[in-house]
Amino acid sequence: MPPKPRKIPMRMCVGCREMKPKKELLRVVRSPEGLVSLDPTGKKPGRGAYCCYNAECLRRALRQGQLDRQLEVRLGEEVNAQLTQTMQQLLAAVNHEIESRVTSFLGLCLRAGRLTTGQEACVELIRRGGAALALVDGGASANTLKRLSDACRSHDTPLYALSPGAL
C-alpha cells in the first residue's frame, strides 16, 4: 500500500486574504511578553498571523487593522514602521540571495558551454528555438530589451529582467 501523501498546511494571508501553503508565508508573531515581530522561521512562541512575502500585503494588513485583530493587540505607529522596515530589509536580503544564486548557476552554465551571451547570438538562438529561457540585465539599453522581448514573445520563450548590474 503506498504511503499517504503528506497534508500541506494552509494559512490565509492577512493582507490579500488568499489561502497559501504555510511555508510560502511570513509569520508575524506576538510573543507572550507582548512584543510584535516578524518570524521568518515560523517557530517563535506566541500568537501568529501570516502575510505574503510582499510589502504591499503587509501595508494593507496594517492599514486595515487585520494584524491588530489577528494578534489581539493594538499596534502603534512605531511598531507598524518597524514591521514595514523589517519586511523591506528581509525582502532585499531574499532578492539579493536569489540573484546571487542565479549568477552562480549562470557561471556553472557558462563553464559547461550551455549559456549564450551577447544580444545577436541570443536573438538568433531564440529564433532557432534553442533557448529555454532568456535573462537580461535591468541596465540593458532600450533597444536590447525591445529586440529580446520581441524575439521571446514571438517564439514563446520566457524573458526575465534582473536588477541592474546583476549579470
Foldseek 3Di string as FASTA:
>chain_A
DDDDDDDFDWAAALQPRDIDGPLQWWKWFQAPVGDIAIDNPPPGDHQIHTHGLDLNSLVRNVVVVSCCVRRVHDDDPVSSVVRSVVSVVVSVVVLVVVLVVVVVVVVVCVVVVNDDDDQVVVLVCLQVVNDQAAEAEPPDDPVSVVSVVVSCVVRVHYYYYRYHPSD
